Amino acid sequence: MQKIIPNLWFDGNAKEATEYYLSIFKDGKIINTTYYPLTESEGLADFQQILRVRFSRLSSKF
């Protein structure tokens, strides 16, 4: 059976929100950060804006 993975949406400030969240709950860490592509030919270019920040807290991944 597949586990449910929660999704938290931070529009435009994912990195800052994740860092704040993890500063409150000391038992978490950032797993990786994914950025939008640099050029339109690679996809949805948005000048290196953050697309997704994956992090964990205890045994849960977000």
N, C-alpha and C. Protein backbone atom coordinates (compact mmCIF):
# COMPACT_ATOMS: atom_id res chain seq x y z
N MET A 1 0.84 -1.19 0.00
CA MET A 1 0.00 0.00 0.00
C MET A 1 0.88 1.25 0.00
N GLN A 2 0.57 2.21 -0.86
CA GLN A 2 1.34 3.43 -0.97
C GLN A 2 1.01 4.38 0.17
N LYS A 3 2.05 5.04 0.70
CA LYS A 3 1.86 6.00 1.78
C LYS A 3 1.43 7.35 1.21
N ILE A 4 0.70 8.10 2.00
CA ILE A 4 0.31 9.45 1.63
C ILE A 4 1.45 10.38 2.02
N ILE A 5 1.88 11.23 1.09
CA ILE A 5 2.93 12.21 1.36
C ILE A 5 2.30 13.59 1.38
N PRO A 6 2.32 14.28 2.53
CA PRO A 6 1.71 15.61 2.62
C PRO A 6 2.42 16.61 1.72
N ASN A 7 1.70 17.60 1.27
CA ASN A 7 2.24 18.66 0.44
C ASN A 7 1.91 20.00 1.10
N LEU A 8 2.92 20.80 1.34
CA LEU A 8 2.73 22.15 1.87
C LEU A 8 3.05 23.13 0.75
N TRP A 9 2.16 24.09 0.50
CA TRP A 9 2.33 25.03 -0.60
C TRP A 9 2.74 26.39 -0.06
N PHE A 10 3.90 26.87 -0.52
CA PHE A 10 4.39 28.19 -0.15
C PHE A 10 4.63 28.95 -1.44
N ASP A 11 3.74 29.82 -1.83
CA ASP A 11 3.78 30.50 -3.12
C ASP A 11 4.82 31.61 -3.12
N GLY A 12 5.97 31.34 -3.74
CA GLY A 12 7.01 32.35 -3.89
C GLY A 12 8.02 32.42 -2.77
N ASN A 13 7.81 31.71 -1.69
CA ASN A 13 8.76 31.79 -0.57
C ASN A 13 9.00 30.42 0.07
N ALA A 14 9.09 29.40 -0.76
CA ALA A 14 9.23 28.03 -0.25
C ALA A 14 10.49 27.85 0.59
N LYS A 15 11.60 28.39 0.14
CA LYS A 15 12.87 28.22 0.87
C LYS A 15 12.78 28.86 2.25
N GLU A 16 12.31 30.09 2.29
CA GLU A 16 12.20 30.80 3.57
C GLU A 16 11.21 30.12 4.50
N ALA A 17 10.08 29.69 3.96
CA ALA A 17 9.07 29.02 4.78
C ALA A 17 9.60 27.70 5.33
N THR A 18 10.30 26.96 4.49
CA THR A 18 10.87 25.68 4.94
C THR A 18 11.91 25.91 6.03
N GLU A 19 12.79 26.88 5.83
CA GLU A 19 13.80 27.18 6.86
C GLU A 19 13.15 27.61 8.17
N TYR A 20 12.09 28.40 8.09
CA TYR A 20 11.38 28.81 9.30
C TYR A 20 10.74 27.61 9.99
N TYR A 21 10.06 26.78 9.22
CA TYR A 21 9.42 25.57 9.75
C TYR A 21 10.45 24.68 10.45
N LEU A 22 11.60 24.49 9.81
CA LEU A 22 12.63 23.64 10.40
C LEU A 22 13.34 24.29 11.58
N SER A 23 13.29 25.62 11.68
CA SER A 23 13.88 26.28 12.85
C SER A 23 13.02 26.05 14.09
N ILE A 24 11.73 25.82 13.89
CA ILE A 24 10.83 25.55 15.00
C ILE A 24 10.93 24.08 15.43
N PHE A 25 10.97 23.19 14.44
CA PHE A 25 11.07 21.75 14.69
C PHE A 25 12.48 21.31 14.37
N LYS A 26 13.32 21.24 15.37
CA LYS A 26 14.76 21.01 15.19
C LYS A 26 15.11 19.63 14.63
N ASP A 27 14.16 18.71 14.59
CA ASP A 27 14.46 17.34 14.17
C ASP A 27 14.26 17.13 12.67
N GLY A 28 14.25 18.20 11.88
CA GLY A 28 14.04 18.08 10.43
C GLY A 28 15.25 18.52 9.65
N LYS A 29 15.21 18.26 8.33
CA LYS A 29 16.30 18.70 7.46
C LYS A 29 15.78 18.81 6.03
N ILE A 30 16.44 19.68 5.25
CA ILE A 30 16.13 19.83 3.84
C ILE A 30 16.78 18.68 3.10
N ILE A 31 15.99 17.99 2.25
CA ILE A 31 16.50 16.87 1.47
C ILE A 31 17.09 17.38 0.16
N ASN A 32 16.33 18.19 -0.58
CA ASN A 32 16.85 18.80 -1.80
C ASN A 32 15.99 19.98 -2.22
N THR A 33 16.55 20.80 -3.12
CA THR A 33 15.85 21.95 -3.67
C THR A 33 15.88 21.83 -5.18
N THR A 34 14.72 21.98 -5.83
CA THR A 34 14.60 21.91 -7.28
C THR A 34 14.23 23.29 -7.79
N TYR A 35 14.91 23.71 -8.87
CA TYR A 35 14.68 25.03 -9.45
C TYR A 35 14.00 24.90 -10.81
N TYR A 36 13.30 25.96 -11.22
CA TYR A 36 12.77 26.01 -12.57
C TYR A 36 13.94 26.01 -13.54
N PRO A 37 13.74 25.54 -14.79
CA PRO A 37 14.81 25.56 -15.79
C PRO A 37 15.26 26.99 -16.11
N LEU A 38 16.47 27.11 -16.68
CA LEU A 38 17.02 28.41 -17.03
C LEU A 38 16.47 28.98 -18.33
N THR A 39 16.11 28.09 -19.26
CA THR A 39 15.66 28.57 -20.57
C THR A 39 14.28 28.02 -20.89
N GLU A 40 13.59 28.70 -21.80
CA GLU A 40 12.27 28.24 -22.21
C GLU A 40 12.34 26.91 -22.94
N SER A 41 13.46 26.64 -23.64
CA SER A 41 13.59 25.38 -24.36
C SER A 41 13.68 24.19 -23.40
N GLU A 42 14.08 24.42 -22.16
CA GLU A 42 14.14 23.36 -21.15
C GLU A 42 12.81 23.16 -20.44
N GLY A 43 11.90 24.09 -20.61
CA GLY A 43 10.61 24.00 -19.92
C GLY A 43 10.14 25.35 -19.45
N LEU A 44 9.53 25.40 -18.31
CA LEU A 44 8.96 26.64 -17.77
C LEU A 44 10.04 27.50 -17.12
N ALA A 45 10.73 28.29 -17.91
CA ALA A 45 11.81 29.12 -17.38
C ALA A 45 11.26 30.21 -16.47
N ASP A 46 11.90 30.40 -15.33
CA ASP A 46 11.48 31.43 -14.39
C ASP A 46 12.68 31.97 -13.61
N PHE A 47 13.79 32.17 -14.30
CA PHE A 47 14.96 32.83 -13.74
C PHE A 47 15.45 32.23 -12.42
N GLN A 48 15.57 30.92 -12.40
CA GLN A 48 16.09 30.18 -11.24
C GLN A 48 15.22 30.33 -9.99
N GLN A 49 13.94 30.52 -10.16
CA GLN A 49 13.02 30.50 -9.03
C GLN A 49 12.94 29.07 -8.49
N ILE A 50 12.73 28.94 -7.21
CA ILE A 50 12.60 27.61 -6.60
C ILE A 50 11.27 27.01 -7.00
N LEU A 51 11.33 25.78 -7.47
CA LEU A 51 10.13 25.04 -7.85
C LEU A 51 9.63 24.21 -6.68
N ARG A 52 10.57 23.52 -5.98
CA ARG A 52 10.17 22.62 -4.89
C ARG A 52 11.31 22.48 -3.89
N VAL A 53 10.94 22.45 -2.62
CA VAL A 53 11.88 22.14 -1.54
C VAL A 53 11.35 20.90 -0.85
N ARG A 54 12.14 19.84 -0.86
CA ARG A 54 11.76 18.60 -0.17
C ARG A 54 12.47 18.58 1.17
N PHE A 55 11.72 18.27 2.23
CA PHE A 55 12.33 18.18 3.55
C PHE A 55 11.68 17.07 4.35
N SER A 56 12.33 16.72 5.43
CA SER A 56 11.79 15.68 6.30
C SER A 56 11.76 16.17 7.72
N ARG A 57 10.85 15.61 8.46
CA ARG A 57 10.73 15.87 9.90
C ARG A 57 10.29 14.57 10.54
N LEU A 58 11.06 14.10 11.51
CA LEU A 58 10.86 12.77 12.07
C LEU A 58 10.89 11.76 10.93
N SER A 59 9.88 10.97 10.73
CA SER A 59 9.89 10.00 9.63
C SER A 59 9.01 10.45 8.47
N SER A 60 8.50 11.69 8.51
CA SER A 60 7.63 12.19 7.45
C SER A 60 8.41 13.03 6.46
N LYS A 61 8.08 12.88 5.17
CA LYS A 61 8.69 13.69 4.12
C LYS A 61 7.65 14.63 3.57
N PHE A 62 8.09 15.86 3.27
CA PHE A 62 7.21 16.90 2.73
C PHE A 62 7.79 17.42 1.43
